[in-house]
C-alpha atoms as a PDB file:
ATOM      1  CA  MET A   1      95.211  92.137  70.813  1.00  0.00           C
ATOM      2  CA  ASN A   2      94.795  95.291  72.869  1.00  0.00           C
ATOM      3  CA  THR A   3      94.130  98.264  70.607  1.00  0.00           C
ATOM      4  CA  ASP A   4      93.624 100.878  73.342  1.00  0.00           C
ATOM      5  CA  ALA A   5      96.208 103.472  74.357  1.00  0.00           C
ATOM      6  CA  PRO A   6      99.288 101.817  75.914  1.00  0.00           C
ATOM      7  CA  GLU A   7      99.070 101.129  79.640  1.00  0.00           C
ATOM      8  CA  ALA A   8     102.692 102.256  80.081  1.00  0.00           C
ATOM      9  CA  SER A   9     105.951 102.363  78.155  1.00  0.00           C
ATOM     10  CA  LEU A  10     108.541  99.720  79.007  1.00  0.00           C
ATOM     11  CA  LEU A  11     112.167  99.113  78.109  1.00  0.00           C
ATOM     12  CA  VAL A  12     113.054  95.397  78.073  1.00  0.00           C
ATOM     13  CA  VAL A  13     116.798  94.699  78.332  1.00  0.00           C
ATOM     14  CA  GLU A  14     117.713  91.063  77.683  1.00  0.00           C
ATOM     15  CA  ASP A  15     120.645  89.693  75.670  1.00  0.00           C
ATOM     16  CA  GLU A  16     119.027  86.356  74.783  1.00  0.00           C
ATOM     17  CA  PRO A  17     117.086  87.024  71.520  1.00  0.00           C
ATOM     18  CA  ASN A  18     114.354  84.424  72.063  1.00  0.00           C
ATOM     19  CA  ILE A  19     113.583  85.590  75.589  1.00  0.00           C
ATOM     20  CA  ARG A  20     113.739  89.262  74.574  1.00  0.00           C
ATOM     21  CA  GLU A  21     111.323  88.757  71.671  1.00  0.00           C
ATOM     22  CA  LEU A  22     108.932  86.666  73.775  1.00  0.00           C
ATOM     23  CA  LEU A  23     108.865  89.234  76.567  1.00  0.00           C
ATOM     24  CA  ALA A  24     108.354  92.150  74.175  1.00  0.00           C
ATOM     25  CA  ALA A  25     105.541  90.407  72.299  1.00  0.00           C
ATOM     26  CA  SER A  26     103.792  89.238  75.477  1.00  0.00           C
ATOM     27  CA  LEU A  27     103.966  92.661  77.141  1.00  0.00           C
ATOM     28  CA  ARG A  28     102.654  94.366  73.995  1.00  0.00           C
ATOM     29  CA  PHE A  29      99.804  91.868  73.877  1.00  0.00           C
ATOM     30  CA  VAL A  30      98.558  92.838  77.352  1.00  0.00           C
ATOM     31  CA  GLY A  31      98.685  96.556  76.573  1.00  0.00           C
ATOM     32  CA  PHE A  32     102.184  97.916  77.127  1.00  0.00           C
ATOM     33  CA  GLU A  33     104.303  99.881  74.690  1.00  0.00           C
ATOM     34  CA  VAL A  34     107.676  98.122  74.494  1.00  0.00           C
ATOM     35  CA  VAL A  35     111.159  99.033  73.304  1.00  0.00           C
ATOM     36  CA  SER A  36     113.890  96.397  73.645  1.00  0.00           C
ATOM     37  CA  ALA A  37     117.665  96.387  74.020  1.00  0.00           C
ATOM     38  CA  ALA A  38     120.281  93.618  74.044  1.00  0.00           C
ATOM     39  CA  THR A  39     123.109  95.313  75.950  1.00  0.00           C
ATOM     40  CA  GLY A  40     123.687  97.773  78.746  1.00  0.00           C
ATOM     41  CA  ALA A  41     124.921 100.381  76.278  1.00  0.00           C
ATOM     42  CA  GLU A  42     121.760 100.028  74.186  1.00  0.00           C
ATOM     43  CA  ALA A  43     119.672 100.393  77.346  1.00  0.00           C
ATOM     44  CA  LEU A  44     121.399 103.632  78.323  1.00  0.00           C
ATOM     45  CA  ALA A  45     120.909 104.991  74.801  1.00  0.00           C
ATOM     46  CA  ALA A  46     117.217 104.018  74.791  1.00  0.00           C
ATOM     47  CA  VAL A  47     116.569 105.789  78.098  1.00  0.00           C
ATOM     48  CA  ALA A  48     118.426 108.877  76.889  1.00  0.00           C
ATOM     49  CA  ALA A  49     116.346 108.938  73.693  1.00  0.00           C
ATOM     50  CA  GLU A  50     112.944 108.546  75.346  1.00  0.00           C
ATOM     51  CA  THR A  51     112.477 107.860  79.059  1.00  0.00           C
ATOM     52  CA  PRO A  52     110.241 104.787  79.598  1.00  0.00           C
ATOM     53  CA  ASP A  53     107.879 104.354  82.538  1.00  0.00           C
ATOM     54  CA  LEU A  54     109.765 101.254  83.714  1.00  0.00           C
ATOM     55  CA  VAL A  55     112.817  99.172  82.779  1.00  0.00           C
ATOM     56  CA  VAL A  56     112.772  95.361  82.827  1.00  0.00           C
ATOM     57  CA  LEU A  57     116.481  94.591  83.146  1.00  0.00           C
ATOM     58  CA  ASP A  58     118.390  91.313  82.968  1.00  0.00           C
ATOM     59  CA  VAL A  59     121.268  91.216  85.452  1.00  0.00           C
ATOM     60  CA  MET A  60     123.617  89.235  83.173  1.00  0.00           C
ATOM     61  CA  LEU A  61     124.441  91.279  80.061  1.00  0.00           C
ATOM     62  CA  PRO A  62     127.423  90.917  77.685  1.00  0.00           C
ATOM     63  CA  ASP A  63     128.950  94.368  78.155  1.00  0.00           C
ATOM     64  CA  MET A  64     128.135  95.272  81.775  1.00  0.00           C
ATOM     65  CA  ASP A  65     126.012  93.741  84.525  1.00  0.00           C
ATOM     66  CA  GLY A  66     122.555  95.025  85.310  1.00  0.00           C
ATOM     67  CA  PHE A  67     123.689  96.593  88.594  1.00  0.00           C
ATOM     68  CA  THR A  68     126.138  98.801  86.674  1.00  0.00           C
ATOM     69  CA  VAL A  69     123.433  99.695  84.174  1.00  0.00           C
ATOM     70  CA  VAL A  70     121.115 100.815  86.985  1.00  0.00           C
ATOM     71  CA  LYS A  71     123.848 102.890  88.591  1.00  0.00           C
ATOM     72  CA  ARG A  72     124.450 104.625  85.260  1.00  0.00           C
ATOM     73  CA  LEU A  73     120.713 105.043  84.671  1.00  0.00           C
ATOM     74  CA  ARG A  74     120.263 106.602  88.094  1.00  0.00           C
ATOM     75  CA  GLU A  75     123.142 109.016  87.542  1.00  0.00           C
ATOM     76  CA  ASP A  76     121.941 109.981  84.070  1.00  0.00           C
ATOM     77  CA  PHE A  77     118.303 110.245  85.137  1.00  0.00           C
ATOM     78  CA  ASP A  78     119.217 112.522  88.032  1.00  0.00           C
ATOM     79  CA  ALA A  79     121.052 114.739  85.552  1.00  0.00           C
ATOM     80  CA  TYR A  80     118.029 114.830  83.246  1.00  0.00           C
ATOM     81  CA  SER A  81     115.796 115.689  86.213  1.00  0.00           C
ATOM     82  CA  ARG A  82     117.982 118.640  87.193  1.00  0.00           C
ATOM     83  CA  THR A  83     117.718 120.059  83.677  1.00  0.00           C
ATOM     84  CA  GLY A  84     113.950 119.637  83.673  1.00  0.00           C
ATOM     85  CA  ALA A  85     114.085 117.103  80.820  1.00  0.00           C
ATOM     86  CA  ALA A  86     112.608 114.295  82.910  1.00  0.00           C
ATOM     87  CA  THR A  87     109.001 114.355  84.035  1.00  0.00           C
ATOM     88  CA  ARG A  88     109.406 111.876  86.920  1.00  0.00           C
ATOM     89  CA  GLU A  89     111.778 111.782  89.866  1.00  0.00           C
ATOM     90  CA  HIS A  90     112.440 108.049  89.761  1.00  0.00           C
ATOM     91  CA  LEU A  91     112.897 105.568  86.915  1.00  0.00           C
ATOM     92  CA  PRO A  92     111.582 102.192  88.153  1.00  0.00           C
ATOM     93  CA  VAL A  93     113.650  99.070  87.436  1.00  0.00           C
ATOM     94  CA  LEU A  94     112.581  95.424  87.685  1.00  0.00           C
ATOM     95  CA  PHE A  95     115.526  93.009  87.648  1.00  0.00           C
ATOM     96  CA  LEU A  96     115.450  89.640  85.883  1.00  0.00           C
ATOM     97  CA  THR A  97     117.947  87.338  87.553  1.00  0.00           C
ATOM     98  CA  ALA A  98     118.937  83.683  87.348  1.00  0.00           C
ATOM     99  CA  LYS A  99     120.278  83.917  90.880  1.00  0.00           C
ATOM    100  CA  ASP A 100     117.981  83.597  93.881  1.00  0.00           C
ATOM    101  CA  GLY A 101     120.461  84.018  96.729  1.00  0.00           C
ATOM    102  CA  ILE A 102     119.665  86.675  99.326  1.00  0.00           C
ATOM    103  CA  GLU A 103     122.968  88.454  98.611  1.00  0.00           C
ATOM    104  CA  ASP A 104     122.039  88.850  94.938  1.00  0.00           C
ATOM    105  CA  LYS A 105     118.622  90.225  95.796  1.00  0.00           C
ATOM    106  CA  VAL A 106     120.105  92.678  98.279  1.00  0.00           C
ATOM    107  CA  SER A 107     122.665  93.742  95.661  1.00  0.00           C
ATOM    108  CA  GLY A 108     119.839  94.470  93.253  1.00  0.00           C
ATOM    109  CA  LEU A 109     117.968  96.667  95.691  1.00  0.00           C
ATOM    110  CA  THR A 110     121.148  98.377  96.825  1.00  0.00           C
ATOM    111  CA  ALA A 111     121.974  99.168  93.203  1.00  0.00           C
ATOM    112  CA  GLY A 112     118.639 100.952  92.849  1.00  0.00           C
ATOM    113  CA  GLY A 113     116.245  98.263  91.652  1.00  0.00           C
ATOM    114  CA  ASP A 114     112.592  98.344  92.714  1.00  0.00           C
ATOM    115  CA  ASP A 115     111.904  94.615  92.534  1.00  0.00           C
ATOM    116  CA  TYR A 116     113.229  91.413  90.975  1.00  0.00           C
ATOM    117  CA  VAL A 117     111.899  88.253  89.322  1.00  0.00           C
ATOM    118  CA  THR A 118     113.963  85.076  89.430  1.00  0.00           C
ATOM    119  CA  LYS A 119     114.294  82.980  86.276  1.00  0.00           C
ATOM    120  CA  PRO A 120     112.465  80.894  85.291  1.00  0.00           C
ATOM    121  CA  PHE A 121     109.365  83.007  85.894  1.00  0.00           C
ATOM    122  CA  SER A 122     105.802  83.075  84.654  1.00  0.00           C
ATOM    123  CA  LEU A 123     104.637  85.904  82.420  1.00  0.00           C
ATOM    124  CA  GLU A 124     101.681  86.384  84.762  1.00  0.00           C
ATOM    125  CA  GLU A 125     104.008  87.023  87.698  1.00  0.00           C
ATOM    126  CA  LEU A 126     106.162  89.411  85.661  1.00  0.00           C
ATOM    127  CA  ILE A 127     103.149  91.427  84.525  1.00  0.00           C
ATOM    128  CA  ALA A 128     101.774  91.558  88.077  1.00  0.00           C
ATOM    129  CA  ARG A 129     105.136  92.781  89.417  1.00  0.00           C
ATOM    130  CA  ILE A 130     105.371  95.447  86.702  1.00  0.00           C
ATOM    131  CA  ARG A 131     101.905  96.801  87.476  1.00  0.00           C
ATOM    132  CA  ALA A 132     102.580  96.751  91.224  1.00  0.00           C
ATOM    133  CA  ILE A 133     105.789  98.772  90.750  1.00  0.00           C
ATOM    134  CA  LEU A 134     104.016 101.292  88.529  1.00  0.00           C
ATOM    135  CA  ARG A 135     101.359 101.791  91.186  1.00  0.00           C
ATOM    136  CA  ARG A 136     103.961 102.248  93.929  1.00  0.00           C
ATOM    137  CA  THR A 137     106.212 104.602  91.997  1.00  0.00           C
ATOM    138  CA  GLY A 138     103.688 106.872  90.340  1.00  0.00           C
ATOM    139  CA  GLY A 139     103.538 105.386  86.840  1.00  0.00           C
ATOM    140  CA  PRO A 140     100.528 105.634  84.504  1.00  0.00           C
ATOM    141  CA  ASP A 141      98.792 102.812  86.365  1.00  0.00           C
ATOM    142  CA  ASN A 142      99.276 104.540  89.713  1.00  0.00           C
ATOM    143  CA  ASN A 143      95.681 105.665  90.255  1.00  0.00           C
ATOM    144  CA  GLY A 144      94.115 102.279  89.501  1.00  0.00           C
ATOM    145  CA  THR A 145      92.117 100.899  92.405  1.00  0.00           C
ATOM    146  CA  LEU A 146      92.275  97.111  92.748  1.00  0.00           C
ATOM    147  CA  MET A 147      88.847  95.473  92.917  1.00  0.00           C
ATOM    148  CA  VAL A 148      87.832  91.870  93.579  1.00  0.00           C
ATOM    149  CA  ASP A 149      84.095  91.414  94.066  1.00  0.00           C
ATOM    150  CA  ASP A 150      83.110  94.022  96.726  1.00  0.00           C
ATOM    151  CA  LEU A 151      86.674  94.420  98.033  1.00  0.00           C
ATOM    152  CA  GLU A 152      88.524  97.564  96.951  1.00  0.00           C
ATOM    153  CA  LEU A 153      92.133  98.555  97.602  1.00  0.00           C
ATOM    154  CA  ASP A 154      93.443 102.022  96.794  1.00  0.00           C
ATOM    155  CA  PRO A 155      97.266 101.781  96.583  1.00  0.00           C
ATOM    156  CA  VAL A 156      97.659 105.566  96.424  1.00  0.00           C
ATOM    157  CA  GLY A 157      95.394 106.517  99.327  1.00  0.00           C
ATOM    158  CA  HIS A 158      96.403 103.345 101.195  1.00  0.00           C
ATOM    159  CA  GLN A 159      92.763 102.522 101.910  1.00  0.00           C
ATOM    160  CA  VAL A 160      90.757  99.294 101.829  1.00  0.00           C
ATOM    161  CA  VAL A 161      86.963  99.044 101.644  1.00  0.00           C
ATOM    162  CA  ARG A 162      84.813  95.893 101.851  1.00  0.00           C
ATOM    163  CA  SER A 163      81.078  96.163 101.048  1.00  0.00           C
ATOM    164  CA  GLY A 164      81.392  99.933 101.455  1.00  0.00           C
ATOM    165  CA  ARG A 165      82.940  99.547 104.924  1.00  0.00           C
ATOM    166  CA  PRO A 166      86.465 100.916 105.555  1.00  0.00           C
ATOM    167  CA  VAL A 167      88.883  98.224 106.722  1.00  0.00           C
ATOM    168  CA  PRO A 168      91.872  99.453 108.768  1.00  0.00           C
ATOM    169  CA  LEU A 169      95.013  97.425 108.040  1.00  0.00           C
ATOM    170  CA  SER A 170      98.573  97.519 109.290  1.00  0.00           C
ATOM    171  CA  PRO A 171     101.273  98.253 106.672  1.00  0.00           C
ATOM    172  CA  THR A 172     102.186  94.555 106.446  1.00  0.00           C
ATOM    173  CA  GLU A 173      98.545  93.468 106.192  1.00  0.00           C
ATOM    174  CA  PHE A 174      98.025  96.044 103.449  1.00  0.00           C
ATOM    175  CA  LYS A 175     101.051  94.822 101.490  1.00  0.00           C
ATOM    176  CA  LEU A 176      99.933  91.204 101.828  1.00  0.00           C
ATOM    177  CA  LEU A 177      96.407  92.013 100.667  1.00  0.00           C
ATOM    178  CA  GLU A 178      97.733  94.042  97.732  1.00  0.00           C
ATOM    179  CA  TYR A 179      99.917  91.113  96.665  1.00  0.00           C
ATOM    180  CA  LEU A 180      96.960  88.737  96.872  1.00  0.00           C
ATOM    181  CA  MET A 181      94.744  91.128  94.874  1.00  0.00           C
ATOM    182  CA  VAL A 182      97.336  91.835  92.181  1.00  0.00           C
ATOM    183  CA  ASN A 183      97.538  88.041  91.773  1.00  0.00           C
ATOM    184  CA  ALA A 184      93.796  87.402  92.180  1.00  0.00           C
ATOM    185  CA  GLY A 185      92.894  83.898  91.037  1.00  0.00           C
ATOM    186  CA  ARG A 186      96.498  82.683  91.273  1.00  0.00           C
ATOM    187  CA  VAL A 187      97.616  80.401  94.094  1.00  0.00           C
ATOM    188  CA  LEU A 188     100.632  81.846  95.920  1.00  0.00           C
ATOM    189  CA  SER A 189     102.957  79.682  98.006  1.00  0.00           C
ATOM    190  CA  LYS A 190     104.206  80.686 101.450  1.00  0.00           C
ATOM    191  CA  PRO A 191     107.783  81.225 100.163  1.00  0.00           C
ATOM    192  CA  GLN A 192     106.468  83.486  97.391  1.00  0.00           C
ATOM    193  CA  ILE A 193     104.451  85.524  99.867  1.00  0.00           C
ATOM    194  CA  VAL A 194     107.339  85.841 102.342  1.00  0.00           C
ATOM    195  CA  ASP A 195     109.700  86.793  99.521  1.00  0.00           C
ATOM    196  CA  HIS A 196     107.406  89.565  98.281  1.00  0.00           C
ATOM    197  CA  VAL A 197     105.822  90.904 101.468  1.00  0.00           C
ATOM    198  CA  TRP A 198     108.710  90.595 103.906  1.00  0.00           C
ATOM    199  CA  ALA A 199     111.407  90.708 101.190  1.00  0.00           C
ATOM    200  CA  TYR A 200     114.917  90.893 102.622  1.00  0.00           C
ATOM    201  CA  ASP A 201     113.962  91.843 106.172  1.00  0.00           C
ATOM    202  CA  PHE A 202     112.740  88.403 107.153  1.00  0.00           C
ATOM    203  CA  GLY A 203     114.292  84.968 107.022  1.00  0.00           C
ATOM    204  CA  GLY A 204     112.378  83.075 109.648  1.00  0.00           C
ATOM    205  CA  ASP A 205     109.500  80.670 110.063  1.00  0.00           C
ATOM    206  CA  LEU A 206     107.001  80.551 107.176  1.00  0.00           C
ATOM    207  CA  SER A 207     104.210  80.275 109.755  1.00  0.00           C
ATOM    208  CA  ILE A 208     104.213  84.080 109.836  1.00  0.00           C
ATOM    209  CA  VAL A 209     102.225  83.849 106.585  1.00  0.00           C
ATOM    210  CA  GLU A 210      99.520  81.793 108.301  1.00  0.00           C
ATOM    211  CA  SER A 211      99.316  84.371 111.081  1.00  0.00           C
ATOM    212  CA  TYR A 212      98.879  87.323 108.728  1.00  0.00           C
ATOM    213  CA  ILE A 213      96.417  85.465 106.514  1.00  0.00           C
ATOM    214  CA  SER A 214      94.420  84.854 109.692  1.00  0.00           C
ATOM    215  CA  TYR A 215      94.567  88.577 110.561  1.00  0.00           C
ATOM    216  CA  LEU A 216      93.319  89.502 107.080  1.00  0.00           C
ATOM    217  CA  ARG A 217      90.509  86.969 107.203  1.00  0.00           C
ATOM    218  CA  ARG A 218      89.240  88.403 110.487  1.00  0.00           C
ATOM    219  CA  LYS A 219      89.177  91.877 108.953  1.00  0.00           C
ATOM    220  CA  ILE A 220      87.867  91.282 105.426  1.00  0.00           C
ATOM    221  CA  ASP A 221      86.347  87.771 105.535  1.00  0.00           C
ATOM    222  CA  SER A 222      84.487  88.006 108.828  1.00  0.00           C
ATOM    223  CA  GLY A 223      81.139  87.340 107.172  1.00  0.00           C
ATOM    224  CA  GLU A 224      79.699  90.712 108.164  1.00  0.00           C
ATOM    225  CA  ASP A 225      76.870  91.972 105.935  1.00  0.00           C
ATOM    226  CA  GLY A 226      76.713  88.515 104.347  1.00  0.00           C
ATOM    227  CA  ALA A 227      79.893  89.113 102.372  1.00  0.00           C
ATOM    228  CA  ALA A 228      81.371  85.995 100.739  1.00  0.00           C
ATOM    229  CA  LYS A 229      84.799  84.723 101.721  1.00  0.00           C
ATOM    230  CA  LEU A 230      87.516  85.774  99.286  1.00  0.00           C
ATOM    231  CA  ILE A 231      90.736  84.336 100.780  1.00  0.00           C
ATOM    232  CA  HIS A 232      91.049  80.576 100.324  1.00  0.00           C
ATOM    233  CA  THR A 233      93.588  77.978 101.396  1.00  0.00           C
ATOM    234  CA  VAL A 234      94.778  75.451  98.812  1.00  0.00           C
ATOM    235  CA  ARG A 235      96.145  72.705 101.015  1.00  0.00           C
ATOM    236  CA  GLY A 236      99.734  71.803 100.363  1.00  0.00           C
ATOM    237  CA  VAL A 237     100.140  74.691  97.911  1.00  0.00           C
ATOM    238  CA  GLY A 238      99.326  78.083  99.409  1.00  0.00           C
ATOM    239  CA  TYR A 239      96.672  80.802  99.360  1.00  0.00           C
ATOM    240  CA  VAL A 240      94.532  82.470  96.733  1.00  0.00           C
ATOM    241  CA  LEU A 241      92.185  85.450  96.709  1.00  0.00           C
ATOM    242  CA  ARG A 242      89.352  84.946  94.236  1.00  0.00           C
ATOM    243  CA  ARG A 243      85.813  86.013  93.499  1.00  0.00           C
ATOM    244  CA  PRO A 244      83.020  83.833  94.866  1.00  0.00           C
ATOM    245  CA  HIS A 245      81.776  81.172  92.478  1.00  0.00           C
ATOM    246  CA  GLY A 246      78.279  81.379  91.129  1.00  0.00           C
END
């Protein structure tokens, strides 16, 4: 059990008791402070009482859908910001949804969500998504540099360094590398990578993943200075970024 100061404060909104309790316990275990709610109304009250760093929000709730909750949260949070009561300009929201259609994902983003996870999901993926959102939106974890072996990625300064050497990357290459590093040691499939890196702007050939993996390898796995290769292909499954063995 993590006994250090909480990594961030989260509000988990889920009407199914077993899922809500599992999520809350698991997120507390890895270092988050967690408050939970079972309805949209409870979520609004919880945010009004003490603004969390991020909201994990189920789309299907008994009193109102998650999109309506986010709209209300945005309106209320803007009001709090104007009065000086809020300390941050944006309240991040991660949707939990049983629907994986493009229209549902677009609806979530349009409503004001920052990301989504489709049920069923792994706790590892959920935690990685939460930390990635916090880095992007200025949460407590925002200044944390990602490090795997001698590869460093600064999400705030948008800089990458390998063996002390700056590595210039395009915005898409940077986002792909960040996703691989956040999920270091976990094999990611091409559909997962496309879904996260290209999101709703791309619906084409999955071979684009191969192309960008190749670009990254030339830039960070070129073998210069004797550096070990970090990006690996797992045939028939996907790609993984991991520390060298040994």
